[in-house]
């Protein structure tokens, strides 16, 4: 592996790297009942439909239409609809120190890219919820390209989309399988497992 400053491009995953994520937060806006929270989390936010949204294979309308009949009550269905409509307002928040770190990468002269599994809603709202979004040189969300990490196709499509050489890129993701796939496709990376920006700053040598 090259010295971190030798890489032209630093590529970040979004959730659990630059952002924290909790699927319960939008549900808790509408109920404090732990049973309903658990049911909606498991039935909606951990569902196959949610994965298909990230893959760009179904619409939001189709996803919620399929999920609602599996919930146990009218109350749960009403809350699920509200939580789904507003999840991007509550479920993600910027990690403390992430914005400063992005500025440091930019100031060092390295380009900044996002490579994230995310649904079609994210391209419309990411500038509102992500740190220093104006500094990104490219943003790649899986649903737009109908492929998902850790498929080889998503890495190859990412490189082609932004005209990047994989050996010039360093990828930071919280999932080991995604980094394994990244390396298999020629891009070195780091598994960011502890969630601490201080760790990430150390990896980036700040």
N, C-alpha and C. Protein backbone atom coordinates (compact mmCIF):
# COMPACT_ATOMS: atom_id res chain seq x y z
N UNK A 1 0.84 -1.20 0.00
CA UNK A 1 0.00 0.00 0.00
C UNK A 1 0.87 1.25 0.00
N UNK A 2 0.47 2.23 -0.81
CA UNK A 2 1.21 3.48 -0.87
C UNK A 2 0.97 4.31 0.39
N UNK A 3 1.83 5.29 0.59
CA UNK A 3 1.60 6.28 1.63
C UNK A 3 0.29 7.01 1.32
N UNK A 4 -0.50 7.32 2.34
CA UNK A 4 -1.84 7.87 2.14
C UNK A 4 -1.82 9.17 1.32
N UNK A 5 -0.77 9.95 1.46
CA UNK A 5 -0.70 11.23 0.73
C UNK A 5 -0.38 11.04 -0.75
N UNK A 6 -0.01 9.81 -1.14
CA UNK A 6 0.30 9.53 -2.54
C UNK A 6 -0.95 9.24 -3.36
N UNK A 7 -2.06 9.00 -2.70
CA UNK A 7 -3.30 8.74 -3.42
C UNK A 7 -3.91 10.05 -3.89
N UNK A 8 -4.31 10.09 -5.15
CA UNK A 8 -4.91 11.30 -5.70
C UNK A 8 -6.34 11.49 -5.20
N UNK A 9 -7.00 10.37 -4.90
CA UNK A 9 -8.43 10.41 -4.60
C UNK A 9 -8.74 9.64 -3.32
N UNK A 10 -9.49 10.27 -2.43
CA UNK A 10 -9.98 9.60 -1.23
C UNK A 10 -11.48 9.37 -1.43
N UNK A 11 -11.89 8.12 -1.31
CA UNK A 11 -13.27 7.72 -1.58
C UNK A 11 -13.90 7.29 -0.25
N UNK A 12 -15.02 7.89 0.08
CA UNK A 12 -15.70 7.61 1.35
C UNK A 12 -17.04 6.92 1.11
N UNK A 13 -17.32 5.92 1.93
CA UNK A 13 -18.69 5.48 2.11
C UNK A 13 -19.41 6.59 2.88
N UNK A 14 -20.72 6.52 2.91
CA UNK A 14 -21.48 7.56 3.60
C UNK A 14 -21.89 7.11 5.01
N UNK A 15 -22.85 6.19 5.10
CA UNK A 15 -23.37 5.78 6.40
C UNK A 15 -22.34 5.08 7.25
N UNK A 16 -22.27 5.48 8.52
CA UNK A 16 -21.33 4.91 9.51
C UNK A 16 -19.89 5.27 9.22
N UNK A 17 -19.65 6.16 8.27
CA UNK A 17 -18.30 6.68 8.01
C UNK A 17 -18.33 8.20 8.20
N UNK A 18 -18.97 8.91 7.30
CA UNK A 18 -19.12 10.36 7.46
C UNK A 18 -20.38 10.70 8.25
N UNK A 19 -21.33 9.78 8.21
CA UNK A 19 -22.60 9.99 8.88
C UNK A 19 -22.85 8.86 9.87
N UNK A 20 -23.59 9.16 10.92
CA UNK A 20 -24.17 8.11 11.75
C UNK A 20 -25.58 7.85 11.26
N UNK A 21 -26.06 6.64 11.53
CA UNK A 21 -27.36 6.23 11.00
C UNK A 21 -28.09 5.38 12.03
N UNK A 22 -29.36 5.69 12.26
CA UNK A 22 -30.18 4.91 13.19
C UNK A 22 -31.59 4.84 12.60
N UNK A 23 -32.02 3.64 12.13
CA UNK A 23 -33.34 3.54 11.50
C UNK A 23 -34.50 3.78 12.45
N UNK A 24 -34.25 3.73 13.76
CA UNK A 24 -35.33 3.93 14.73
C UNK A 24 -35.71 5.39 14.92
N UNK A 25 -34.83 6.30 14.54
CA UNK A 25 -35.07 7.70 14.89
C UNK A 25 -36.34 8.26 14.25
N UNK A 26 -36.58 7.95 12.99
CA UNK A 26 -37.80 8.47 12.36
C UNK A 26 -39.04 7.80 12.94
N UNK A 27 -38.92 6.53 13.33
CA UNK A 27 -40.07 5.84 13.93
C UNK A 27 -40.40 6.48 15.28
N UNK A 28 -39.37 6.79 16.05
CA UNK A 28 -39.57 7.36 17.39
C UNK A 28 -40.18 8.75 17.34
N UNK A 29 -40.16 9.39 16.19
CA UNK A 29 -40.83 10.69 16.06
C UNK A 29 -42.35 10.54 16.17
N UNK A 30 -42.85 9.33 15.93
CA UNK A 30 -44.30 9.13 15.86
C UNK A 30 -44.84 8.15 16.89
N UNK A 31 -43.94 7.47 17.61
CA UNK A 31 -44.39 6.56 18.67
C UNK A 31 -43.24 6.28 19.62
N UNK A 32 -43.61 5.98 20.87
CA UNK A 32 -42.61 5.54 21.86
C UNK A 32 -42.82 4.07 22.22
N UNK A 33 -43.75 3.42 21.55
CA UNK A 33 -44.05 2.02 21.83
C UNK A 33 -42.92 1.13 21.31
N UNK A 34 -42.18 0.45 22.19
CA UNK A 34 -41.02 -0.33 21.72
C UNK A 34 -41.39 -1.48 20.79
N UNK A 35 -42.57 -2.04 20.96
CA UNK A 35 -42.99 -3.14 20.09
C UNK A 35 -43.25 -2.65 18.67
N UNK A 36 -43.88 -1.48 18.55
CA UNK A 36 -44.13 -0.92 17.22
C UNK A 36 -42.82 -0.49 16.57
N UNK A 37 -41.95 0.11 17.35
CA UNK A 37 -40.64 0.52 16.82
C UNK A 37 -39.89 -0.68 16.26
N UNK A 38 -39.86 -1.74 17.03
CA UNK A 38 -39.14 -2.95 16.60
C UNK A 38 -39.79 -3.56 15.36
N UNK A 39 -41.12 -3.60 15.35
CA UNK A 39 -41.82 -4.19 14.21
C UNK A 39 -41.55 -3.41 12.92
N UNK A 40 -41.63 -2.09 12.99
CA UNK A 40 -41.41 -1.28 11.79
C UNK A 40 -39.96 -1.35 11.34
N UNK A 41 -39.04 -1.31 12.30
CA UNK A 41 -37.62 -1.42 11.93
C UNK A 41 -37.37 -2.72 11.16
N UNK A 42 -37.85 -3.83 11.71
CA UNK A 42 -37.57 -5.12 11.10
C UNK A 42 -38.32 -5.33 9.79
N UNK A 43 -39.54 -4.80 9.71
CA UNK A 43 -40.39 -5.03 8.55
C UNK A 43 -40.09 -4.07 7.41
N UNK A 44 -39.65 -2.86 7.74
CA UNK A 44 -39.40 -1.83 6.73
C UNK A 44 -37.91 -1.60 6.51
N UNK A 45 -37.22 -1.12 7.53
CA UNK A 45 -35.84 -0.66 7.33
C UNK A 45 -34.83 -1.80 7.22
N UNK A 46 -35.21 -3.00 7.60
CA UNK A 46 -34.33 -4.16 7.44
C UNK A 46 -34.92 -5.15 6.43
N UNK A 47 -35.76 -4.67 5.56
CA UNK A 47 -36.49 -5.54 4.64
C UNK A 47 -35.75 -5.74 3.32
N UNK A 48 -36.21 -6.74 2.58
CA UNK A 48 -35.71 -6.94 1.22
C UNK A 48 -36.07 -5.75 0.34
N UNK A 49 -37.22 -5.13 0.61
CA UNK A 49 -37.59 -3.93 -0.16
C UNK A 49 -36.60 -2.80 0.02
N UNK A 50 -36.10 -2.65 1.25
CA UNK A 50 -35.11 -1.60 1.50
C UNK A 50 -33.84 -1.86 0.70
N UNK A 51 -33.42 -3.13 0.66
CA UNK A 51 -32.25 -3.50 -0.14
C UNK A 51 -32.50 -3.22 -1.62
N UNK A 52 -33.70 -3.53 -2.09
CA UNK A 52 -34.01 -3.29 -3.50
C UNK A 52 -34.05 -1.80 -3.82
N UNK A 53 -34.44 -0.97 -2.84
CA UNK A 53 -34.37 0.48 -3.04
C UNK A 53 -32.92 0.91 -3.26
N UNK A 54 -32.01 0.38 -2.45
CA UNK A 54 -30.60 0.71 -2.62
C UNK A 54 -30.06 0.22 -3.96
N UNK A 55 -30.63 -0.87 -4.45
CA UNK A 55 -30.22 -1.41 -5.75
C UNK A 55 -30.88 -0.68 -6.92
N UNK A 56 -31.85 0.19 -6.61
CA UNK A 56 -32.55 0.88 -7.68
C UNK A 56 -33.49 -0.01 -8.46
N UNK A 57 -33.98 -1.08 -7.84
CA UNK A 57 -34.80 -2.06 -8.54
C UNK A 57 -36.29 -1.82 -8.38
N UNK A 58 -36.69 -1.05 -7.37
CA UNK A 58 -38.11 -0.73 -7.18
C UNK A 58 -38.24 0.73 -6.79
N UNK A 59 -39.45 1.25 -6.96
CA UNK A 59 -39.73 2.63 -6.56
C UNK A 59 -40.09 2.68 -5.08
N UNK A 60 -40.06 3.88 -4.52
CA UNK A 60 -40.49 4.05 -3.14
C UNK A 60 -41.96 3.67 -2.97
N UNK A 61 -42.77 4.00 -3.96
CA UNK A 61 -44.20 3.68 -3.88
C UNK A 61 -44.41 2.17 -3.82
N UNK A 62 -43.68 1.45 -4.65
CA UNK A 62 -43.80 -0.01 -4.65
C UNK A 62 -43.31 -0.59 -3.34
N UNK A 63 -42.22 -0.07 -2.83
CA UNK A 63 -41.65 -0.60 -1.59
C UNK A 63 -42.64 -0.49 -0.44
N UNK A 64 -43.22 0.69 -0.24
CA UNK A 64 -44.11 0.86 0.91
C UNK A 64 -45.41 0.08 0.70
N UNK A 65 -45.86 -0.04 -0.53
CA UNK A 65 -47.07 -0.84 -0.81
C UNK A 65 -46.86 -2.30 -0.44
N UNK A 66 -45.65 -2.79 -0.63
CA UNK A 66 -45.36 -4.19 -0.31
C UNK A 66 -45.17 -4.39 1.19
N UNK A 67 -44.63 -3.40 1.86
CA UNK A 67 -44.31 -3.54 3.28
C UNK A 67 -45.56 -3.42 4.15
N UNK A 68 -46.42 -2.49 3.87
CA UNK A 68 -47.54 -2.18 4.77
C UNK A 68 -48.42 -3.39 5.11
N UNK A 69 -48.76 -4.26 4.16
CA UNK A 69 -49.61 -5.40 4.52
C UNK A 69 -48.97 -6.36 5.51
N UNK A 70 -47.66 -6.32 5.66
CA UNK A 70 -46.98 -7.23 6.57
C UNK A 70 -46.98 -6.72 8.02
N UNK A 71 -47.39 -5.49 8.22
CA UNK A 71 -47.45 -4.94 9.57
C UNK A 71 -48.74 -5.38 10.25
N UNK A 72 -48.73 -5.40 11.59
CA UNK A 72 -49.77 -6.10 12.34
C UNK A 72 -51.00 -5.26 12.68
N UNK A 73 -50.93 -3.94 12.45
CA UNK A 73 -52.06 -3.11 12.87
C UNK A 73 -52.14 -1.85 12.01
N UNK A 74 -53.31 -1.22 12.02
CA UNK A 74 -53.47 0.06 11.32
C UNK A 74 -52.56 1.12 11.92
N UNK A 75 -52.39 1.09 13.24
CA UNK A 75 -51.52 2.05 13.89
C UNK A 75 -50.08 1.91 13.38
N UNK A 76 -49.60 0.67 13.32
CA UNK A 76 -48.24 0.44 12.84
C UNK A 76 -48.09 0.87 11.38
N UNK A 77 -49.10 0.61 10.57
CA UNK A 77 -49.04 1.00 9.16
C UNK A 77 -49.01 2.52 9.01
N UNK A 78 -49.80 3.22 9.79
CA UNK A 78 -49.81 4.69 9.73
C UNK A 78 -48.46 5.27 10.13
N UNK A 79 -47.89 4.74 11.19
CA UNK A 79 -46.58 5.22 11.67
C UNK A 79 -45.49 4.88 10.66
N UNK A 80 -45.57 3.69 10.09
CA UNK A 80 -44.56 3.28 9.10
C UNK A 80 -44.57 4.20 7.89
N UNK A 81 -45.74 4.56 7.43
CA UNK A 81 -45.83 5.48 6.29
C UNK A 81 -45.18 6.82 6.60
N UNK A 82 -45.45 7.34 7.79
CA UNK A 82 -44.85 8.62 8.19
C UNK A 82 -43.33 8.50 8.34
N UNK A 83 -42.89 7.43 8.98
CA UNK A 83 -41.45 7.24 9.19
C UNK A 83 -40.73 7.09 7.86
N UNK A 84 -41.34 6.38 6.94
CA UNK A 84 -40.74 6.19 5.62
C UNK A 84 -40.68 7.50 4.85
N UNK A 85 -41.72 8.30 4.95
CA UNK A 85 -41.76 9.57 4.22
C UNK A 85 -40.68 10.53 4.69
N UNK A 86 -40.31 10.43 5.97
CA UNK A 86 -39.41 11.43 6.56
C UNK A 86 -38.09 10.85 7.07
N UNK A 87 -37.75 9.62 6.68
CA UNK A 87 -36.57 9.00 7.28
C UNK A 87 -35.29 9.78 7.02
N UNK A 88 -35.19 10.42 5.86
CA UNK A 88 -33.97 11.16 5.53
C UNK A 88 -33.79 12.41 6.38
N UNK A 89 -34.85 12.85 7.05
CA UNK A 89 -34.77 14.03 7.92
C UNK A 89 -34.24 13.67 9.31
N UNK A 90 -34.37 12.41 9.71
CA UNK A 90 -34.08 12.04 11.09
C UNK A 90 -33.02 10.94 11.25
N UNK A 91 -32.93 10.02 10.30
CA UNK A 91 -32.12 8.82 10.53
C UNK A 91 -30.63 9.01 10.32
N UNK A 92 -30.23 10.11 9.68
CA UNK A 92 -28.82 10.37 9.39
C UNK A 92 -28.39 11.67 10.04
N UNK A 93 -27.18 11.66 10.59
CA UNK A 93 -26.61 12.92 11.09
C UNK A 93 -25.10 12.87 10.97
N UNK A 94 -24.51 14.03 10.79
CA UNK A 94 -23.07 14.12 10.52
C UNK A 94 -22.28 13.78 11.77
N UNK A 95 -21.25 12.96 11.60
CA UNK A 95 -20.36 12.64 12.70
C UNK A 95 -19.59 13.89 13.14
N UNK A 96 -19.42 14.06 14.42
CA UNK A 96 -18.62 15.17 14.93
C UNK A 96 -17.21 15.09 14.37
N UNK A 97 -16.76 16.18 13.79
CA UNK A 97 -15.40 16.23 13.24
C UNK A 97 -15.30 15.84 11.78
N UNK A 98 -16.38 15.31 11.20
CA UNK A 98 -16.32 14.85 9.80
C UNK A 98 -16.12 16.01 8.83
N UNK A 99 -16.80 17.12 9.08
CA UNK A 99 -16.68 18.26 8.16
C UNK A 99 -15.26 18.82 8.16
N UNK A 100 -14.68 18.95 9.34
CA UNK A 100 -13.30 19.43 9.43
C UNK A 100 -12.36 18.49 8.68
N UNK A 101 -12.58 17.19 8.81
CA UNK A 101 -11.72 16.21 8.15
C UNK A 101 -11.83 16.32 6.63
N UNK A 102 -13.05 16.50 6.11
CA UNK A 102 -13.22 16.65 4.67
C UNK A 102 -12.48 17.88 4.17
N UNK A 103 -12.56 18.96 4.92
CA UNK A 103 -11.82 20.17 4.54
C UNK A 103 -10.32 19.92 4.52
N UNK A 104 -9.81 19.15 5.44
CA UNK A 104 -8.38 18.86 5.48
C UNK A 104 -7.94 18.04 4.27
N UNK A 105 -8.76 17.06 3.89
CA UNK A 105 -8.45 16.27 2.69
C UNK A 105 -8.41 17.18 1.47
N UNK A 106 -9.40 18.04 1.35
CA UNK A 106 -9.47 18.97 0.23
C UNK A 106 -8.28 19.92 0.23
N UNK A 107 -7.96 20.46 1.38
CA UNK A 107 -6.86 21.42 1.46
C UNK A 107 -5.51 20.78 1.15
N UNK A 108 -5.41 19.47 1.33
CA UNK A 108 -4.16 18.77 1.01
C UNK A 108 -4.03 18.52 -0.49
N UNK A 109 -5.09 18.79 -1.23
CA UNK A 109 -5.03 18.65 -2.69
C UNK A 109 -5.57 17.34 -3.22
N UNK A 110 -6.13 16.51 -2.36
CA UNK A 110 -6.70 15.26 -2.81
C UNK A 110 -8.17 15.45 -3.19
N UNK A 111 -8.61 14.74 -4.21
CA UNK A 111 -10.00 14.80 -4.61
C UNK A 111 -10.83 13.89 -3.71
N UNK A 112 -12.10 14.22 -3.58
CA UNK A 112 -12.99 13.54 -2.63
C UNK A 112 -14.19 12.99 -3.38
N UNK A 113 -14.44 11.69 -3.18
CA UNK A 113 -15.57 11.03 -3.82
C UNK A 113 -16.39 10.28 -2.78
N UNK A 114 -17.66 10.11 -3.07
CA UNK A 114 -18.56 9.30 -2.26
C UNK A 114 -18.97 8.08 -3.08
N UNK A 115 -18.87 6.89 -2.46
CA UNK A 115 -19.32 5.64 -3.07
C UNK A 115 -20.16 4.93 -2.02
N UNK A 116 -21.48 4.97 -2.19
CA UNK A 116 -22.36 4.53 -1.12
C UNK A 116 -23.55 3.75 -1.65
N UNK A 117 -23.93 2.71 -0.91
CA UNK A 117 -25.21 2.06 -1.16
C UNK A 117 -26.30 2.97 -0.63
N UNK A 118 -27.14 3.47 -1.51
CA UNK A 118 -28.18 4.41 -1.09
C UNK A 118 -29.27 4.46 -2.14
N UNK A 119 -30.46 4.75 -1.69
CA UNK A 119 -31.63 4.75 -2.57
C UNK A 119 -31.70 6.00 -3.43
N UNK A 120 -32.68 6.02 -4.31
CA UNK A 120 -32.83 7.13 -5.25
C UNK A 120 -33.18 8.45 -4.58
N UNK A 121 -33.54 8.42 -3.31
CA UNK A 121 -33.84 9.67 -2.61
C UNK A 121 -32.57 10.48 -2.34
N UNK A 122 -31.44 9.80 -2.18
CA UNK A 122 -30.22 10.49 -1.72
C UNK A 122 -29.68 11.53 -2.70
N UNK A 123 -29.66 11.28 -4.00
CA UNK A 123 -29.15 12.33 -4.90
C UNK A 123 -29.88 13.65 -4.76
N UNK A 124 -31.13 13.59 -4.34
CA UNK A 124 -31.93 14.81 -4.22
C UNK A 124 -31.66 15.58 -2.94
N UNK A 125 -31.15 14.88 -1.90
CA UNK A 125 -31.08 15.53 -0.59
C UNK A 125 -29.69 15.50 0.06
N UNK A 126 -28.69 14.86 -0.59
CA UNK A 126 -27.44 14.65 0.12
C UNK A 126 -26.74 15.94 0.51
N UNK A 127 -26.90 16.99 -0.27
CA UNK A 127 -26.23 18.26 0.06
C UNK A 127 -26.77 18.85 1.37
N UNK A 128 -27.97 18.47 1.71
CA UNK A 128 -28.56 18.96 2.96
C UNK A 128 -28.05 18.21 4.18
N UNK A 129 -27.63 16.96 4.01
CA UNK A 129 -27.36 16.12 5.17
C UNK A 129 -25.90 15.68 5.31
N UNK A 130 -25.07 15.93 4.32
CA UNK A 130 -23.69 15.43 4.37
C UNK A 130 -22.69 16.54 4.64
N UNK A 131 -21.56 16.20 5.27
CA UNK A 131 -20.58 17.22 5.65
C UNK A 131 -19.82 17.78 4.46
N UNK A 132 -19.73 19.10 4.39
CA UNK A 132 -18.94 19.79 3.37
C UNK A 132 -19.24 19.27 1.96
N UNK A 133 -20.51 19.11 1.64
CA UNK A 133 -20.91 18.49 0.37
C UNK A 133 -20.41 19.26 -0.84
N UNK A 134 -20.14 20.54 -0.68
CA UNK A 134 -19.68 21.35 -1.81
C UNK A 134 -18.27 20.98 -2.25
N UNK A 135 -17.56 20.20 -1.43
CA UNK A 135 -16.17 19.85 -1.74
C UNK A 135 -16.02 18.52 -2.45
N UNK A 136 -17.11 17.78 -2.65
CA UNK A 136 -17.00 16.48 -3.30
C UNK A 136 -16.77 16.65 -4.80
N UNK A 137 -15.86 15.84 -5.32
CA UNK A 137 -15.59 15.86 -6.76
C UNK A 137 -16.51 14.91 -7.52
N UNK A 138 -17.13 13.98 -6.81
CA UNK A 138 -18.08 13.07 -7.43
C UNK A 138 -18.84 12.31 -6.38
N UNK A 139 -20.11 12.07 -6.64
CA UNK A 139 -20.97 11.34 -5.71
C UNK A 139 -21.64 10.20 -6.48
N UNK A 140 -21.47 8.98 -5.96
CA UNK A 140 -21.99 7.79 -6.64
C UNK A 140 -22.88 7.03 -5.67
N UNK A 141 -24.19 7.06 -5.94
CA UNK A 141 -25.15 6.33 -5.12
C UNK A 141 -25.65 5.12 -5.90
N UNK A 142 -25.69 3.99 -5.24
CA UNK A 142 -25.92 2.71 -5.91
C UNK A 142 -27.21 2.67 -6.72
N UNK A 143 -28.30 3.21 -6.20
CA UNK A 143 -29.59 3.09 -6.87
C UNK A 143 -29.59 3.70 -8.27
N UNK A 144 -28.83 4.77 -8.45
CA UNK A 144 -28.79 5.43 -9.76
C UNK A 144 -28.19 4.54 -10.83
N UNK A 145 -27.35 3.59 -10.41
CA UNK A 145 -26.63 2.76 -11.37
C UNK A 145 -27.05 1.29 -11.30
N UNK A 146 -28.03 1.00 -10.46
CA UNK A 146 -28.59 -0.35 -10.32
C UNK A 146 -27.52 -1.41 -10.06
N UNK A 147 -26.62 -1.08 -9.16
CA UNK A 147 -25.64 -2.04 -8.68
C UNK A 147 -25.31 -1.65 -7.24
N UNK A 148 -24.71 -2.57 -6.49
CA UNK A 148 -24.58 -2.36 -5.07
C UNK A 148 -23.29 -3.00 -4.55
N UNK A 149 -22.67 -2.37 -3.57
CA UNK A 149 -21.51 -2.99 -2.92
C UNK A 149 -21.97 -4.24 -2.18
N UNK A 150 -21.22 -5.33 -2.21
CA UNK A 150 -19.85 -5.47 -2.75
C UNK A 150 -19.76 -6.07 -4.14
N UNK A 151 -20.73 -5.86 -5.01
CA UNK A 151 -20.61 -6.36 -6.37
C UNK A 151 -19.42 -5.72 -7.08
N UNK A 152 -18.70 -6.51 -7.86
CA UNK A 152 -17.60 -5.96 -8.64
C UNK A 152 -18.07 -4.85 -9.56
N UNK A 153 -19.29 -5.01 -10.09
CA UNK A 153 -19.80 -4.06 -11.08
C UNK A 153 -19.85 -2.63 -10.55
N UNK A 154 -20.17 -2.45 -9.27
CA UNK A 154 -20.30 -1.09 -8.76
C UNK A 154 -18.96 -0.37 -8.74
N UNK A 155 -17.89 -1.09 -8.42
CA UNK A 155 -16.57 -0.47 -8.41
C UNK A 155 -16.13 -0.13 -9.83
N UNK A 156 -16.34 -1.06 -10.75
CA UNK A 156 -15.95 -0.83 -12.14
C UNK A 156 -16.74 0.33 -12.74
N UNK A 157 -18.03 0.40 -12.40
CA UNK A 157 -18.86 1.50 -12.91
C UNK A 157 -18.45 2.83 -12.29
N UNK A 158 -18.10 2.81 -11.02
CA UNK A 158 -17.63 4.01 -10.33
C UNK A 158 -16.37 4.56 -11.01
N UNK A 159 -15.39 3.70 -11.26
CA UNK A 159 -14.15 4.14 -11.91
C UNK A 159 -14.44 4.71 -13.30
N UNK A 160 -15.29 4.03 -14.03
CA UNK A 160 -15.60 4.46 -15.40
C UNK A 160 -16.36 5.79 -15.40
N UNK A 161 -17.29 5.94 -14.47
CA UNK A 161 -18.11 7.16 -14.42
C UNK A 161 -17.26 8.40 -14.21
N UNK A 162 -16.27 8.29 -13.32
CA UNK A 162 -15.46 9.47 -12.98
C UNK A 162 -14.06 9.44 -13.60
N UNK A 163 -13.85 8.49 -14.51
CA UNK A 163 -12.57 8.40 -15.24
C UNK A 163 -11.39 8.29 -14.27
N UNK A 164 -11.52 7.36 -13.32
CA UNK A 164 -10.50 7.17 -12.29
C UNK A 164 -9.73 5.88 -12.52
N UNK A 165 -8.46 5.90 -12.13
CA UNK A 165 -7.66 4.68 -12.09
C UNK A 165 -7.73 4.14 -10.65
N UNK A 166 -8.10 2.88 -10.47
CA UNK A 166 -8.29 2.36 -9.12
C UNK A 166 -7.05 2.48 -8.24
N UNK A 167 -5.88 2.36 -8.85
CA UNK A 167 -4.65 2.44 -8.05
C UNK A 167 -4.39 3.85 -7.51
N UNK A 168 -5.11 4.84 -8.03
CA UNK A 168 -4.98 6.22 -7.55
C UNK A 168 -5.96 6.54 -6.42
N UNK A 169 -6.79 5.55 -6.05
CA UNK A 169 -7.87 5.79 -5.10
C UNK A 169 -7.67 5.00 -3.81
N UNK A 170 -8.11 5.58 -2.71
CA UNK A 170 -8.11 4.92 -1.40
C UNK A 170 -9.52 5.00 -0.85
N UNK A 171 -10.09 3.85 -0.51
CA UNK A 171 -11.50 3.75 -0.14
C UNK A 171 -11.66 3.47 1.35
N UNK A 172 -12.58 4.19 1.98
CA UNK A 172 -12.88 4.00 3.41
C UNK A 172 -14.34 3.59 3.55
N UNK A 173 -14.57 2.40 4.13
CA UNK A 173 -15.91 1.84 4.26
C UNK A 173 -15.95 1.07 5.58
N UNK A 174 -17.13 0.97 6.17
CA UNK A 174 -17.23 0.30 7.47
C UNK A 174 -17.46 -1.21 7.36
N UNK A 175 -17.62 -1.74 6.15
CA UNK A 175 -17.95 -3.15 5.96
C UNK A 175 -16.77 -3.89 5.35
N UNK A 176 -16.26 -4.93 6.01
CA UNK A 176 -15.10 -5.65 5.48
C UNK A 176 -15.31 -6.19 4.07
N UNK A 177 -16.50 -6.71 3.77
CA UNK A 177 -16.76 -7.26 2.44
C UNK A 177 -16.63 -6.20 1.35
N UNK A 178 -16.98 -4.98 1.67
CA UNK A 178 -16.88 -3.91 0.68
C UNK A 178 -15.43 -3.54 0.40
N UNK A 179 -14.60 -3.59 1.43
CA UNK A 179 -13.17 -3.31 1.23
C UNK A 179 -12.50 -4.47 0.51
N UNK A 180 -12.89 -5.69 0.83
CA UNK A 180 -12.34 -6.85 0.11
C UNK A 180 -12.65 -6.72 -1.38
N UNK A 181 -13.88 -6.36 -1.71
CA UNK A 181 -14.26 -6.20 -3.11
C UNK A 181 -13.51 -5.04 -3.75
N UNK A 182 -13.33 -3.97 -2.99
CA UNK A 182 -12.58 -2.82 -3.50
C UNK A 182 -11.16 -3.23 -3.88
N UNK A 183 -10.51 -3.96 -3.00
CA UNK A 183 -9.14 -4.41 -3.29
C UNK A 183 -9.11 -5.36 -4.47
N UNK A 184 -10.12 -6.22 -4.57
CA UNK A 184 -10.20 -7.16 -5.69
C UNK A 184 -10.29 -6.42 -7.02
N UNK A 185 -10.84 -5.20 -6.96
CA UNK A 185 -10.98 -4.38 -8.17
C UNK A 185 -9.90 -3.31 -8.29
N UNK A 186 -8.84 -3.45 -7.49
CA UNK A 186 -7.66 -2.62 -7.67
C UNK A 186 -7.58 -1.37 -6.83
N UNK A 187 -8.57 -1.14 -5.95
CA UNK A 187 -8.58 0.06 -5.10
C UNK A 187 -8.28 -0.33 -3.66
N UNK A 188 -7.20 0.17 -3.13
CA UNK A 188 -6.83 -0.10 -1.74
C UNK A 188 -7.82 0.58 -0.81
N UNK A 189 -7.93 0.07 0.42
CA UNK A 189 -8.90 0.65 1.33
C UNK A 189 -8.66 0.31 2.77
N UNK A 190 -9.56 0.82 3.61
CA UNK A 190 -9.47 0.65 5.06
C UNK A 190 -10.86 0.36 5.61
N UNK A 191 -10.95 -0.66 6.46
CA UNK A 191 -12.21 -0.97 7.13
C UNK A 191 -12.32 -0.10 8.38
N UNK A 192 -13.24 0.84 8.33
CA UNK A 192 -13.46 1.80 9.41
C UNK A 192 -14.48 1.20 10.37
N UNK A 193 -13.99 0.46 11.36
CA UNK A 193 -14.88 -0.36 12.17
C UNK A 193 -15.27 0.25 13.51
N UNK A 194 -14.52 1.21 14.02
CA UNK A 194 -14.84 1.70 15.37
C UNK A 194 -15.70 2.96 15.37
N UNK A 195 -15.92 3.55 14.20
CA UNK A 195 -16.83 4.69 14.10
C UNK A 195 -16.31 6.00 14.63
N UNK A 196 -15.04 6.07 15.01
CA UNK A 196 -14.48 7.28 15.63
C UNK A 196 -13.75 8.11 14.58
N UNK A 197 -14.13 9.38 14.44
CA UNK A 197 -13.46 10.26 13.49
C UNK A 197 -11.99 10.41 13.84
N UNK A 198 -11.65 10.34 15.11
CA UNK A 198 -10.24 10.41 15.51
C UNK A 198 -9.45 9.29 14.87
N UNK A 199 -10.02 8.11 14.77
CA UNK A 199 -9.36 6.99 14.10
C UNK A 199 -9.17 7.29 12.62
N UNK A 200 -10.20 7.84 12.01
CA UNK A 200 -10.14 8.15 10.59
C UNK A 200 -9.09 9.24 10.32
N UNK A 201 -9.00 10.21 11.18
CA UNK A 201 -7.98 11.24 11.01
C UNK A 201 -6.58 10.63 11.12
N UNK A 202 -6.43 9.65 11.99
CA UNK A 202 -5.14 8.97 12.11
C UNK A 202 -4.81 8.21 10.82
N UNK A 203 -5.78 7.52 10.27
CA UNK A 203 -5.58 6.78 9.03
C UNK A 203 -5.19 7.73 7.90
N UNK A 204 -5.83 8.90 7.86
CA UNK A 204 -5.56 9.89 6.83
C UNK A 204 -4.35 10.78 7.16
N UNK A 205 -3.75 10.52 8.32
CA UNK A 205 -2.53 11.21 8.76
C UNK A 205 -2.75 12.70 8.99
N UNK A 206 -3.82 13.00 9.70
CA UNK A 206 -4.06 14.37 10.15
C UNK A 206 -3.85 14.44 11.66
